[in-house]
């Protein structure tokens, strides 16, 4: 569990830093792909930070991995499109988005499971 928490904190830091950089670049360069990048990065970084600091259950550990992978895929695809002119691989952003949705649904399941205890 400590490794998963560490991964969540590392990804949170990278998403937070890159999200701020993307938001700054967006305000100066007006690059359209950086707006959703900044939004996803800056909304999921604090979520991963919180989960990494407080998660004590298996479902929250899995949730951290799902959210981290989803955010990485989504943001990496947008960054690759912006800087290289092509996507990371076909369907990378939609797969990342689906993982993010699944991760948030897993948060819901964790809350429901906590109510049962």
PDB file of N, CA and C in Angstrom:
ATOM      1  N   UNK A   1       0.826  -1.190   0.000  1.00  0.00           N
ATOM      2  CA  UNK A   1       0.000   0.000   0.000  1.00  0.00           C
ATOM      3  C   UNK A   1       0.872   1.256   0.000  1.00  0.00           C
ATOM      4  N   UNK A   2       2.036   1.211   0.643  1.00  0.00           N
ATOM      5  CA  UNK A   2       2.912   2.375   0.691  1.00  0.00           C
ATOM      6  C   UNK A   2       3.408   2.734  -0.705  1.00  0.00           C
ATOM      7  N   UNK A   3       3.690   1.727  -1.533  1.00  0.00           N
ATOM      8  CA  UNK A   3       4.142   1.987  -2.906  1.00  0.00           C
ATOM      9  C   UNK A   3       3.036   2.676  -3.691  1.00  0.00           C
ATOM     10  N   UNK A   4       1.802   2.207  -3.553  1.00  0.00           N
ATOM     11  CA  UNK A   4       0.678   2.803  -4.277  1.00  0.00           C
ATOM     12  C   UNK A   4       0.462   4.242  -3.819  1.00  0.00           C
ATOM     13  N   UNK A   5       0.555   4.472  -2.502  1.00  0.00           N
ATOM     14  CA  UNK A   5       0.405   5.838  -1.997  1.00  0.00           C
ATOM     15  C   UNK A   5       1.519   6.735  -2.537  1.00  0.00           C
ATOM     16  N   UNK A   6       2.737   6.215  -2.574  1.00  0.00           N
ATOM     17  CA  UNK A   6       3.858   6.998  -3.102  1.00  0.00           C
ATOM     18  C   UNK A   6       3.649   7.334  -4.565  1.00  0.00           C
ATOM     19  N   UNK A   7       3.165   6.379  -5.338  1.00  0.00           N
ATOM     20  CA  UNK A   7       2.877   6.622  -6.753  1.00  0.00           C
ATOM     21  C   UNK A   7       1.827   7.715  -6.888  1.00  0.00           C
ATOM     22  N   UNK A   8       0.784   7.635  -6.070  1.00  0.00           N
ATOM     23  CA  UNK A   8      -0.276   8.648  -6.124  1.00  0.00           C
ATOM     24  C   UNK A   8       0.284  10.033  -5.814  1.00  0.00           C
ATOM     25  N   UNK A   9       1.150  10.130  -4.822  1.00  0.00           N
ATOM     26  CA  UNK A   9       1.734  11.429  -4.466  1.00  0.00           C
ATOM     27  C   UNK A   9       2.659  11.951  -5.559  1.00  0.00           C
ATOM     28  N   UNK A  10       3.438  11.065  -6.163  1.00  0.00           N
ATOM     29  CA  UNK A  10       4.326  11.466  -7.261  1.00  0.00           C
ATOM     30  C   UNK A  10       3.508  11.981  -8.440  1.00  0.00           C
ATOM     31  N   UNK A  11       2.468  11.234  -8.816  1.00  0.00           N
ATOM     32  CA  UNK A  11       1.625  11.647  -9.937  1.00  0.00           C
ATOM     33  C   UNK A  11       0.907  12.953  -9.596  1.00  0.00           C
ATOM     34  N   UNK A  12       0.454  13.093  -8.340  1.00  0.00           N
ATOM     35  CA  UNK A  12      -0.209  14.336  -7.928  1.00  0.00           C
ATOM     36  C   UNK A  12       0.736  15.527  -8.105  1.00  0.00           C
ATOM     37  N   UNK A  13       1.964  15.375  -7.685  1.00  0.00           N
ATOM     38  CA  UNK A  13       2.937  16.457  -7.835  1.00  0.00           C
ATOM     39  C   UNK A  13       3.205  16.796  -9.285  1.00  0.00           C
ATOM     40  N   UNK A  14       3.364  15.777 -10.110  1.00  0.00           N
ATOM     41  CA  UNK A  14       3.622  16.013 -11.532  1.00  0.00           C
ATOM     42  C   UNK A  14       2.416  16.641 -12.228  1.00  0.00           C
ATOM     43  N   UNK A  15       1.222  16.156 -11.898  1.00  0.00           N
ATOM     44  CA  UNK A  15       0.015  16.742 -12.488  1.00  0.00           C
ATOM     45  C   UNK A  15      -0.160  18.184 -12.047  1.00  0.00           C
ATOM     46  N   UNK A  16       0.060  18.442 -10.760  1.00  0.00           N
ATOM     47  CA  UNK A  16      -0.081  19.806 -10.259  1.00  0.00           C
ATOM     48  C   UNK A  16       0.889  20.759 -10.937  1.00  0.00           C
ATOM     49  N   UNK A  17       2.139  20.373 -10.996  1.00  0.00           N
ATOM     50  CA  UNK A  17       3.150  21.234 -11.621  1.00  0.00           C
ATOM     51  C   UNK A  17       2.881  21.434 -13.108  1.00  0.00           C
ATOM     52  N   UNK A  18       2.590  20.348 -13.803  1.00  0.00           N
ATOM     53  CA  UNK A  18       2.353  20.478 -15.242  1.00  0.00           C
ATOM     54  C   UNK A  18       1.035  21.187 -15.528  1.00  0.00           C
ATOM     55  N   UNK A  19       0.058  21.036 -14.635  1.00  0.00           N
ATOM     56  CA  UNK A  19      -1.216  21.734 -14.808  1.00  0.00           C
ATOM     57  C   UNK A  19      -1.051  23.240 -14.682  1.00  0.00           C
ATOM     58  N   UNK A  20      -0.267  23.665 -13.717  1.00  0.00           N
ATOM     59  CA  UNK A  20       0.004  25.096 -13.567  1.00  0.00           C
ATOM     60  C   UNK A  20       0.784  25.604 -14.785  1.00  0.00           C
ATOM     61  N   UNK A  21       1.763  24.840 -15.239  1.00  0.00           N
ATOM     62  CA  UNK A  21       2.530  25.240 -16.424  1.00  0.00           C
ATOM     63  C   UNK A  21       1.623  25.328 -17.651  1.00  0.00           C
ATOM     64  N   UNK A  22       0.718  24.361 -17.801  1.00  0.00           N
ATOM     65  CA  UNK A  22      -0.204  24.381 -18.941  1.00  0.00           C
ATOM     66  C   UNK A  22      -1.138  25.581 -18.857  1.00  0.00           C
ATOM     67  N   UNK A  23      -1.636  25.887 -17.657  1.00  0.00           N
ATOM     68  CA  UNK A  23      -2.512  27.048 -17.490  1.00  0.00           C
ATOM     69  C   UNK A  23      -1.763  28.345 -17.817  1.00  0.00           C
ATOM     70  N   UNK A  24      -0.513  28.438 -17.392  1.00  0.00           N
ATOM     71  CA  UNK A  24       0.287  29.629 -17.695  1.00  0.00           C
ATOM     72  C   UNK A  24       0.531  29.748 -19.194  1.00  0.00           C
ATOM     73  N   UNK A  25       0.894  28.640 -19.825  1.00  0.00           N
ATOM     74  CA  UNK A  25       1.124  28.664 -21.277  1.00  0.00           C
ATOM     75  C   UNK A  25      -0.162  29.018 -22.016  1.00  0.00           C
ATOM     76  N   UNK A  26      -1.266  28.511 -21.532  1.00  0.00           N
ATOM     77  CA  UNK A  26      -2.560  28.804 -22.147  1.00  0.00           C
ATOM     78  C   UNK A  26      -2.858  30.300 -22.092  1.00  0.00           C
ATOM     79  N   UNK A  27      -2.567  30.914 -20.975  1.00  0.00           N
ATOM     80  CA  UNK A  27      -2.867  32.342 -20.844  1.00  0.00           C
ATOM     81  C   UNK A  27      -1.953  33.192 -21.727  1.00  0.00           C
ATOM     82  N   UNK A  28      -0.783  32.699 -22.049  1.00  0.00           N
ATOM     83  CA  UNK A  28       0.149  33.459 -22.883  1.00  0.00           C
ATOM     84  C   UNK A  28       0.065  33.082 -24.353  1.00  0.00           C
ATOM     85  N   UNK A  29      -0.151  31.791 -24.630  1.00  0.00           N
ATOM     86  CA  UNK A  29      -0.113  31.323 -26.015  1.00  0.00           C
ATOM     87  C   UNK A  29      -1.495  31.026 -26.576  1.00  0.00           C
ATOM     88  N   UNK A  30      -2.478  30.827 -25.706  1.00  0.00           N
ATOM     89  CA  UNK A  30      -3.828  30.534 -26.182  1.00  0.00           C
ATOM     90  C   UNK A  30      -3.961  29.192 -26.872  1.00  0.00           C
ATOM     91  N   UNK A  31      -3.132  28.229 -26.504  1.00  0.00           N
ATOM     92  CA  UNK A  31      -3.184  26.904 -27.143  1.00  0.00           C
ATOM     93  C   UNK A  31      -4.410  26.126 -26.656  1.00  0.00           C
ATOM     94  N   UNK A  32      -5.274  25.772 -27.585  1.00  0.00           N
ATOM     95  CA  UNK A  32      -6.550  25.137 -27.243  1.00  0.00           C
ATOM     96  C   UNK A  32      -6.418  23.818 -26.492  1.00  0.00           C
ATOM     97  N   UNK A  33      -5.430  23.017 -26.801  1.00  0.00           N
ATOM     98  CA  UNK A  33      -5.296  21.711 -26.152  1.00  0.00           C
ATOM     99  C   UNK A  33      -4.819  21.822 -24.706  1.00  0.00           C
ATOM    100  N   UNK A  34      -4.268  22.962 -24.344  1.00  0.00           N
ATOM    101  CA  UNK A  34      -3.760  23.107 -22.985  1.00  0.00           C
ATOM    102  C   UNK A  34      -4.856  23.389 -21.961  1.00  0.00           C
ATOM    103  N   UNK A  35      -6.006  23.889 -22.389  1.00  0.00           N
ATOM    104  CA  UNK A  35      -7.103  24.159 -21.455  1.00  0.00           C
ATOM    105  C   UNK A  35      -7.633  22.867 -20.826  1.00  0.00           C
ATOM    106  N   UNK A  36      -7.988  21.852 -21.626  1.00  0.00           N
ATOM    107  CA  UNK A  36      -8.445  20.616 -20.981  1.00  0.00           C
ATOM    108  C   UNK A  36      -7.327  19.921 -20.210  1.00  0.00           C
ATOM    109  N   UNK A  37      -6.095  20.053 -20.673  1.00  0.00           N
ATOM    110  CA  UNK A  37      -4.954  19.486 -19.942  1.00  0.00           C
ATOM    111  C   UNK A  37      -4.891  20.089 -18.544  1.00  0.00           C
ATOM    112  N   UNK A  38      -4.909  21.425 -18.486  1.00  0.00           N
ATOM    113  CA  UNK A  38      -4.823  22.113 -17.196  1.00  0.00           C
ATOM    114  C   UNK A  38      -5.997  21.737 -16.305  1.00  0.00           C
ATOM    115  N   UNK A  39      -7.185  21.660 -16.874  1.00  0.00           N
ATOM    116  CA  UNK A  39      -8.372  21.316 -16.096  1.00  0.00           C
ATOM    117  C   UNK A  39      -8.254  19.934 -15.483  1.00  0.00           C
ATOM    118  N   UNK A  40      -7.913  18.946 -16.286  1.00  0.00           N
ATOM    119  CA  UNK A  40      -7.799  17.576 -15.781  1.00  0.00           C
ATOM    120  C   UNK A  40      -6.649  17.474 -14.779  1.00  0.00           C
ATOM    121  N   UNK A  41      -5.516  18.054 -15.099  1.00  0.00           N
ATOM    122  CA  UNK A  41      -4.358  17.961 -14.208  1.00  0.00           C
ATOM    123  C   UNK A  41      -4.627  18.642 -12.869  1.00  0.00           C
ATOM    124  N   UNK A  42      -5.200  19.841 -12.913  1.00  0.00           N
ATOM    125  CA  UNK A  42      -5.385  20.599 -11.675  1.00  0.00           C
ATOM    126  C   UNK A  42      -6.585  20.139 -10.848  1.00  0.00           C
ATOM    127  N   UNK A  43      -7.480  19.366 -11.424  1.00  0.00           N
ATOM    128  CA  UNK A  43      -8.572  18.805 -10.622  1.00  0.00           C
ATOM    129  C   UNK A  43      -8.202  17.442 -10.044  1.00  0.00           C
ATOM    130  N   UNK A  44      -7.370  16.702 -10.742  1.00  0.00           N
ATOM    131  CA  UNK A  44      -7.026  15.360 -10.260  1.00  0.00           C
ATOM    132  C   UNK A  44      -5.797  15.334  -9.365  1.00  0.00           C
ATOM    133  N   UNK A  45      -4.933  16.331  -9.480  1.00  0.00           N
ATOM    134  CA  UNK A  45      -3.761  16.388  -8.588  1.00  0.00           C
ATOM    135  C   UNK A  45      -4.180  16.458  -7.118  1.00  0.00           C
ATOM    136  N   UNK A  46      -5.096  17.354  -6.726  1.00  0.00           N
ATOM    137  CA  UNK A  46      -5.489  17.373  -5.317  1.00  0.00           C
ATOM    138  C   UNK A  46      -6.236  16.113  -4.893  1.00  0.00           C
ATOM    139  N   UNK A  47      -6.995  15.534  -5.813  1.00  0.00           N
ATOM    140  CA  UNK A  47      -7.708  14.292  -5.475  1.00  0.00           C
ATOM    141  C   UNK A  47      -6.708  13.182  -5.177  1.00  0.00           C
ATOM    142  N   UNK A  48      -5.697  13.057  -6.016  1.00  0.00           N
ATOM    143  CA  UNK A  48      -4.679  12.028  -5.785  1.00  0.00           C
ATOM    144  C   UNK A  48      -3.866  12.325  -4.535  1.00  0.00           C
ATOM    145  N   UNK A  49      -3.601  13.591  -4.283  1.00  0.00           N
ATOM    146  CA  UNK A  49      -2.893  13.968  -3.067  1.00  0.00           C
ATOM    147  C   UNK A  49      -3.696  13.540  -1.836  1.00  0.00           C
ATOM    148  N   UNK A  50      -4.973  13.866  -1.819  1.00  0.00           N
ATOM    149  CA  UNK A  50      -5.824  13.494  -0.687  1.00  0.00           C
ATOM    150  C   UNK A  50      -5.904  11.979  -0.527  1.00  0.00           C
ATOM    151  N   UNK A  51      -6.126  11.278  -1.611  1.00  0.00           N
ATOM    152  CA  UNK A  51      -6.203   9.816  -1.540  1.00  0.00           C
ATOM    153  C   UNK A  51      -4.879   9.229  -1.081  1.00  0.00           C
ATOM    154  N   UNK A  52      -3.786   9.770  -1.585  1.00  0.00           N
ATOM    155  CA  UNK A  52      -2.471   9.267  -1.198  1.00  0.00           C
ATOM    156  C   UNK A  52      -2.171   9.468   0.276  1.00  0.00           C
ATOM    157  N   UNK A  53      -2.750  10.505   0.859  1.00  0.00           N
ATOM    158  CA  UNK A  53      -2.497  10.791   2.271  1.00  0.00           C
ATOM    159  C   UNK A  53      -3.420  10.027   3.210  1.00  0.00           C
ATOM    160  N   UNK A  54      -4.640   9.717   2.764  1.00  0.00           N
ATOM    161  CA  UNK A  54      -5.607   9.134   3.702  1.00  0.00           C
ATOM    162  C   UNK A  54      -6.100   7.730   3.360  1.00  0.00           C
ATOM    163  N   UNK A  55      -5.822   7.235   2.177  1.00  0.00           N
ATOM    164  CA  UNK A  55      -6.370   5.940   1.769  1.00  0.00           C
ATOM    165  C   UNK A  55      -5.886   4.819   2.682  1.00  0.00           C
ATOM    166  N   UNK A  56      -6.852   4.034   3.157  1.00  0.00           N
ATOM    167  CA  UNK A  56      -6.519   2.907   4.019  1.00  0.00           C
ATOM    168  C   UNK A  56      -7.182   1.607   3.571  1.00  0.00           C
ATOM    169  N   UNK A  57      -7.946   1.674   2.504  1.00  0.00           N
ATOM    170  CA  UNK A  57      -8.647   0.472   2.048  1.00  0.00           C
ATOM    171  C   UNK A  57      -8.135   0.060   0.675  1.00  0.00           C
ATOM    172  N   UNK A  58      -8.382  -1.180   0.348  1.00  0.00           N
ATOM    173  CA  UNK A  58      -7.965  -1.706  -0.955  1.00  0.00           C
ATOM    174  C   UNK A  58      -8.681  -0.975  -2.091  1.00  0.00           C
ATOM    175  N   UNK A  59      -9.966  -0.712  -1.911  1.00  0.00           N
ATOM    176  CA  UNK A  59     -10.707  -0.056  -2.992  1.00  0.00           C
ATOM    177  C   UNK A  59     -10.161   1.352  -3.259  1.00  0.00           C
ATOM    178  N   UNK A  60      -9.738   2.059  -2.219  1.00  0.00           N
ATOM    179  CA  UNK A  60      -9.153   3.388  -2.442  1.00  0.00           C
ATOM    180  C   UNK A  60      -7.762   3.290  -3.058  1.00  0.00           C
ATOM    181  N   UNK A  61      -7.049   2.224  -2.755  1.00  0.00           N
ATOM    182  CA  UNK A  61      -5.744   2.016  -3.397  1.00  0.00           C
ATOM    183  C   UNK A  61      -5.910   1.777  -4.893  1.00  0.00           C
ATOM    184  N   UNK A  62      -6.878   0.951  -5.243  1.00  0.00           N
ATOM    185  CA  UNK A  62      -7.164   0.697  -6.657  1.00  0.00           C
ATOM    186  C   UNK A  62      -7.657   1.979  -7.320  1.00  0.00           C
ATOM    187  N   UNK A  63      -8.484   2.730  -6.592  1.00  0.00           N
ATOM    188  CA  UNK A  63      -8.994   3.999  -7.106  1.00  0.00           C
ATOM    189  C   UNK A  63      -7.857   4.949  -7.447  1.00  0.00           C
ATOM    190  N   UNK A  64      -6.868   5.034  -6.574  1.00  0.00           N
ATOM    191  CA  UNK A  64      -5.715   5.910  -6.838  1.00  0.00           C
ATOM    192  C   UNK A  64      -5.020   5.523  -8.131  1.00  0.00           C
ATOM    193  N   UNK A  65      -4.832   4.230  -8.324  1.00  0.00           N
ATOM    194  CA  UNK A  65      -4.151   3.777  -9.545  1.00  0.00           C
ATOM    195  C   UNK A  65      -4.980   4.074 -10.787  1.00  0.00           C
ATOM    196  N   UNK A  66      -6.290   3.860 -10.697  1.00  0.00           N
ATOM    197  CA  UNK A  66      -7.163   4.123 -11.843  1.00  0.00           C
ATOM    198  C   UNK A  66      -7.149   5.608 -12.190  1.00  0.00           C
ATOM    199  N   UNK A  67      -7.312   6.463 -11.181  1.00  0.00           N
ATOM    200  CA  UNK A  67      -7.300   7.914 -11.430  1.00  0.00           C
ATOM    201  C   UNK A  67      -5.949   8.384 -11.953  1.00  0.00           C
ATOM    202  N   UNK A  68      -4.872   7.861 -11.385  1.00  0.00           N
ATOM    203  CA  UNK A  68      -3.534   8.260 -11.831  1.00  0.00           C
ATOM    204  C   UNK A  68      -3.310   7.862 -13.286  1.00  0.00           C
ATOM    205  N   UNK A  69      -3.631   6.635 -13.624  1.00  0.00           N
ATOM    206  CA  UNK A  69      -3.444   6.173 -14.999  1.00  0.00           C
ATOM    207  C   UNK A  69      -4.327   6.954 -15.964  1.00  0.00           C
ATOM    208  N   UNK A  70      -5.567   7.187 -15.580  1.00  0.00           N
ATOM    209  CA  UNK A  70      -6.467   7.950 -16.441  1.00  0.00           C
ATOM    210  C   UNK A  70      -5.972   9.355 -16.693  1.00  0.00           C
ATOM    211  N   UNK A  71      -5.537  10.039 -15.634  1.00  0.00           N
ATOM    212  CA  UNK A  71      -5.044  11.412 -15.785  1.00  0.00           C
ATOM    213  C   UNK A  71      -3.767  11.449 -16.614  1.00  0.00           C
ATOM    214  N   UNK A  72      -2.880  10.485 -16.378  1.00  0.00           N
ATOM    215  CA  UNK A  72      -1.637  10.437 -17.148  1.00  0.00           C
ATOM    216  C   UNK A  72      -1.936  10.220 -18.630  1.00  0.00           C
ATOM    217  N   UNK A  73      -2.793   9.263 -18.939  1.00  0.00           N
ATOM    218  CA  UNK A  73      -3.123   8.985 -20.344  1.00  0.00           C
ATOM    219  C   UNK A  73      -3.765  10.193 -21.016  1.00  0.00           C
ATOM    220  N   UNK A  74      -4.755  10.775 -20.341  1.00  0.00           N
ATOM    221  CA  UNK A  74      -5.472  11.908 -20.910  1.00  0.00           C
ATOM    222  C   UNK A  74      -4.524  13.081 -21.158  1.00  0.00           C
ATOM    223  N   UNK A  75      -3.773  13.441 -20.132  1.00  0.00           N
ATOM    224  CA  UNK A  75      -2.871  14.590 -20.252  1.00  0.00           C
ATOM    225  C   UNK A  75      -1.719  14.325 -21.218  1.00  0.00           C
ATOM    226  N   UNK A  76      -1.175  13.123 -21.188  1.00  0.00           N
ATOM    227  CA  UNK A  76      -0.073  12.798 -22.102  1.00  0.00           C
ATOM    228  C   UNK A  76      -0.525  12.873 -23.551  1.00  0.00           C
ATOM    229  N   UNK A  77      -1.751  12.427 -23.822  1.00  0.00           N
ATOM    230  CA  UNK A  77      -2.252  12.499 -25.190  1.00  0.00           C
ATOM    231  C   UNK A  77      -2.411  13.955 -25.628  1.00  0.00           C
ATOM    232  N   UNK A  78      -2.981  14.795 -24.767  1.00  0.00           N
ATOM    233  CA  UNK A  78      -3.143  16.208 -25.124  1.00  0.00           C
ATOM    234  C   UNK A  78      -1.798  16.902 -25.295  1.00  0.00           C
ATOM    235  N   UNK A  79      -0.860  16.608 -24.412  1.00  0.00           N
ATOM    236  CA  UNK A  79       0.469  17.219 -24.532  1.00  0.00           C
ATOM    237  C   UNK A  79       1.163  16.773 -25.807  1.00  0.00           C
ATOM    238  N   UNK A  80       1.054  15.493 -26.132  1.00  0.00           N
ATOM    239  CA  UNK A  80       1.667  14.985 -27.365  1.00  0.00           C
ATOM    240  C   UNK A  80       1.029  15.632 -28.585  1.00  0.00           C
ATOM    241  N   UNK A  81      -0.292  15.784 -28.554  1.00  0.00           N
ATOM    242  CA  UNK A  81      -0.975  16.462 -29.672  1.00  0.00           C
ATOM    243  C   UNK A  81      -0.493  17.902 -29.807  1.00  0.00           C
ATOM    244  N   UNK A  82      -0.337  18.575 -28.675  1.00  0.00           N
ATOM    245  CA  UNK A  82       0.087  19.981 -28.717  1.00  0.00           C
ATOM    246  C   UNK A  82       1.525  20.132 -29.211  1.00  0.00           C
ATOM    247  N   UNK A  83       2.435  19.341 -28.651  1.00  0.00           N
ATOM    248  CA  UNK A  83       3.854  19.527 -28.952  1.00  0.00           C
ATOM    249  C   UNK A  83       4.346  18.759 -30.177  1.00  0.00           C
ATOM    250  N   UNK A  84       3.755  17.589 -30.448  1.00  0.00           N
ATOM    251  CA  UNK A  84       4.236  16.773 -31.564  1.00  0.00           C
ATOM    252  C   UNK A  84       3.295  16.780 -32.761  1.00  0.00           C
ATOM    253  N   UNK A  85       2.071  17.258 -32.560  1.00  0.00           N
ATOM    254  CA  UNK A  85       1.132  17.316 -33.671  1.00  0.00           C
ATOM    255  C   UNK A  85       0.375  16.025 -33.928  1.00  0.00           C
ATOM    256  N   UNK A  86       0.553  15.042 -33.056  1.00  0.00           N
ATOM    257  CA  UNK A  86      -0.190  13.793 -33.183  1.00  0.00           C
ATOM    258  C   UNK A  86      -0.435  13.246 -31.786  1.00  0.00           C
ATOM    259  N   UNK A  87      -1.413  12.335 -31.678  1.00  0.00           N
ATOM    260  CA  UNK A  87      -1.744  11.772 -30.378  1.00  0.00           C
ATOM    261  C   UNK A  87      -0.728  10.751 -29.900  1.00  0.00           C
ATOM    262  N   UNK A  88      -0.853  10.400 -28.632  1.00  0.00           N
ATOM    263  CA  UNK A  88       0.024   9.405 -28.017  1.00  0.00           C
ATOM    264  C   UNK A  88      -0.144   8.060 -28.711  1.00  0.00           C
ATOM    265  N   UNK A  89      -1.373   7.597 -28.807  1.00  0.00           N
ATOM    266  CA  UNK A  89      -1.774   6.429 -29.588  1.00  0.00           C
ATOM    267  C   UNK A  89      -3.277   6.558 -29.803  1.00  0.00           C
ATOM    268  N   UNK A  90      -3.849   5.857 -30.771  1.00  0.00           N
ATOM    269  CA  UNK A  90      -5.283   6.007 -31.025  1.00  0.00           C
ATOM    270  C   UNK A  90      -6.114   5.712 -29.766  1.00  0.00           C
ATOM    271  N   UNK A  91      -7.042   6.606 -29.499  1.00  0.00           N
ATOM    272  CA  UNK A  91      -7.988   6.476 -28.385  1.00  0.00           C
ATOM    273  C   UNK A  91      -7.361   6.687 -27.004  1.00  0.00           C
ATOM    274  N   UNK A  92      -6.162   7.242 -26.923  1.00  0.00           N
ATOM    275  CA  UNK A  92      -5.514   7.429 -25.618  1.00  0.00           C
ATOM    276  C   UNK A  92      -6.334   8.356 -24.725  1.00  0.00           C
ATOM    277  N   UNK A  93      -6.747   9.515 -25.233  1.00  0.00           N
ATOM    278  CA  UNK A  93      -7.519  10.450 -24.411  1.00  0.00           C
ATOM    279  C   UNK A  93      -8.872   9.866 -24.004  1.00  0.00           C
ATOM    280  N   UNK A  94      -9.630   9.255 -24.919  1.00  0.00           N
ATOM    281  CA  UNK A  94     -10.897   8.660 -24.483  1.00  0.00           C
ATOM    282  C   UNK A  94     -10.714   7.522 -23.466  1.00  0.00           C
ATOM    283  N   UNK A  95      -9.677   6.732 -23.627  1.00  0.00           N
ATOM    284  CA  UNK A  95      -9.408   5.671 -22.646  1.00  0.00           C
ATOM    285  C   UNK A  95      -9.065   6.302 -21.298  1.00  0.00           C
ATOM    286  N   UNK A  96      -8.230   7.343 -21.324  1.00  0.00           N
ATOM    287  CA  UNK A  96      -7.908   8.059 -20.093  1.00  0.00           C
ATOM    288  C   UNK A  96      -9.151   8.642 -19.450  1.00  0.00           C
ATOM    289  N   UNK A  97     -10.025   9.225 -20.247  1.00  0.00           N
ATOM    290  CA  UNK A  97     -11.276   9.783 -19.731  1.00  0.00           C
ATOM    291  C   UNK A  97     -12.172   8.715 -19.123  1.00  0.00           C
ATOM    292  N   UNK A  98     -12.255   7.567 -19.774  1.00  0.00           N
ATOM    293  CA  UNK A  98     -13.063   6.468 -19.225  1.00  0.00           C
ATOM    294  C   UNK A  98     -12.483   5.972 -17.907  1.00  0.00           C
ATOM    295  N   UNK A  99     -11.154   5.927 -17.822  1.00  0.00           N
ATOM    296  CA  UNK A  99     -10.524   5.534 -16.558  1.00  0.00           C
ATOM    297  C   UNK A  99     -10.812   6.549 -15.459  1.00  0.00           C
ATOM    298  N   UNK A 100     -10.818   7.827 -15.803  1.00  0.00           N
ATOM    299  CA  UNK A 100     -11.134   8.856 -14.820  1.00  0.00           C
ATOM    300  C   UNK A 100     -12.570   8.697 -14.314  1.00  0.00           C
ATOM    301  N   UNK A 101     -13.487   8.452 -15.218  1.00  0.00           N
ATOM    302  CA  UNK A 101     -14.876   8.223 -14.814  1.00  0.00           C
ATOM    303  C   UNK A 101     -14.965   6.995 -13.914  1.00  0.00           C
ATOM    304  N   UNK A 102     -14.289   5.926 -14.305  1.00  0.00           N
ATOM    305  CA  UNK A 102     -14.289   4.701 -13.491  1.00  0.00           C
ATOM    306  C   UNK A 102     -13.676   4.961 -12.121  1.00  0.00           C
ATOM    307  N   UNK A 103     -12.622   5.762 -12.074  1.00  0.00           N
ATOM    308  CA  UNK A 103     -11.992   6.084 -10.799  1.00  0.00           C
ATOM    309  C   UNK A 103     -12.931   6.834  -9.871  1.00  0.00           C
ATOM    310  N   UNK A 104     -13.668   7.797 -10.415  1.00  0.00           N
ATOM    311  CA  UNK A 104     -14.618   8.542  -9.579  1.00  0.00           C
ATOM    312  C   UNK A 104     -15.778   7.657  -9.137  1.00  0.00           C
ATOM    313  N   UNK A 105     -16.194   6.728  -9.985  1.00  0.00           N
ATOM    314  CA  UNK A 105     -17.223   5.770  -9.561  1.00  0.00           C
ATOM    315  C   UNK A 105     -16.679   4.850  -8.467  1.00  0.00           C
ATOM    316  N   UNK A 106     -15.389   4.533  -8.536  1.00  0.00           N
ATOM    317  CA  UNK A 106     -14.769   3.725  -7.480  1.00  0.00           C
ATOM    318  C   UNK A 106     -14.734   4.495  -6.157  1.00  0.00           C
ATOM    319  N   UNK A 107     -14.550   5.816  -6.216  1.00  0.00           N
ATOM    320  CA  UNK A 107     -14.638   6.630  -5.000  1.00  0.00           C
ATOM    321  C   UNK A 107     -16.034   6.492  -4.398  1.00  0.00           C
ATOM    322  N   UNK A 108     -17.039   6.525  -5.251  1.00  0.00           N
ATOM    323  CA  UNK A 108     -18.421   6.347  -4.804  1.00  0.00           C
ATOM    324  C   UNK A 108     -18.609   4.996  -4.126  1.00  0.00           C
ATOM    325  N   UNK A 109     -18.071   3.948  -4.747  1.00  0.00           N
ATOM    326  CA  UNK A 109     -18.169   2.603  -4.148  1.00  0.00           C
ATOM    327  C   UNK A 109     -17.459   2.539  -2.806  1.00  0.00           C
ATOM    328  N   UNK A 110     -16.336   3.205  -2.684  1.00  0.00           N
ATOM    329  CA  UNK A 110     -15.610   3.222  -1.413  1.00  0.00           C
ATOM    330  C   UNK A 110     -16.455   3.901  -0.337  1.00  0.00           C
ATOM    331  N   UNK A 111     -17.136   4.957  -0.703  1.00  0.00           N
ATOM    332  CA  UNK A 111     -18.016   5.639   0.252  1.00  0.00           C
ATOM    333  C   UNK A 111     -19.180   4.770   0.660  1.00  0.00           C
ATOM    334  N   UNK A 112     -19.769   4.070  -0.295  1.00  0.00           N
ATOM    335  CA  UNK A 112     -20.853   3.142   0.028  1.00  0.00           C
ATOM    336  C   UNK A 112     -20.390   2.003   0.902  1.00  0.00           C
ATOM    337  N   UNK A 113     -19.197   1.492   0.609  1.00  0.00           N
ATOM    338  CA  UNK A 113     -18.643   0.405   1.419  1.00  0.00           C
ATOM    339  C   UNK A 113     -18.376   0.873   2.842  1.00  0.00           C
ATOM    340  N   UNK A 114     -17.940   2.114   3.008  1.00  0.00           N
ATOM    341  CA  UNK A 114     -17.690   2.653   4.345  1.00  0.00           C
ATOM    342  C   UNK A 114     -18.981   2.769   5.146  1.00  0.00           C
ATOM    343  N   UNK A 115     -20.085   3.055   4.455  1.00  0.00           N
ATOM    344  CA  UNK A 115     -21.372   3.140   5.145  1.00  0.00           C
ATOM    345  C   UNK A 115     -21.821   1.779   5.689  1.00  0.00           C
ATOM    346  N   UNK A 116     -21.409   0.719   5.028  1.00  0.00           N
ATOM    347  CA  UNK A 116     -21.825  -0.636   5.430  1.00  0.00           C
ATOM    348  C   UNK A 116     -21.098  -1.119   6.679  1.00  0.00           C
ATOM    349  N   UNK A 117     -19.963  -0.510   6.994  1.00  0.00           N
ATOM    350  CA  UNK A 117     -19.181  -0.953   8.141  1.00  0.00           C
ATOM    351  C   UNK A 117     -19.784  -0.513   9.432  1.00  0.00           C
TER     352      UNK A 117
END
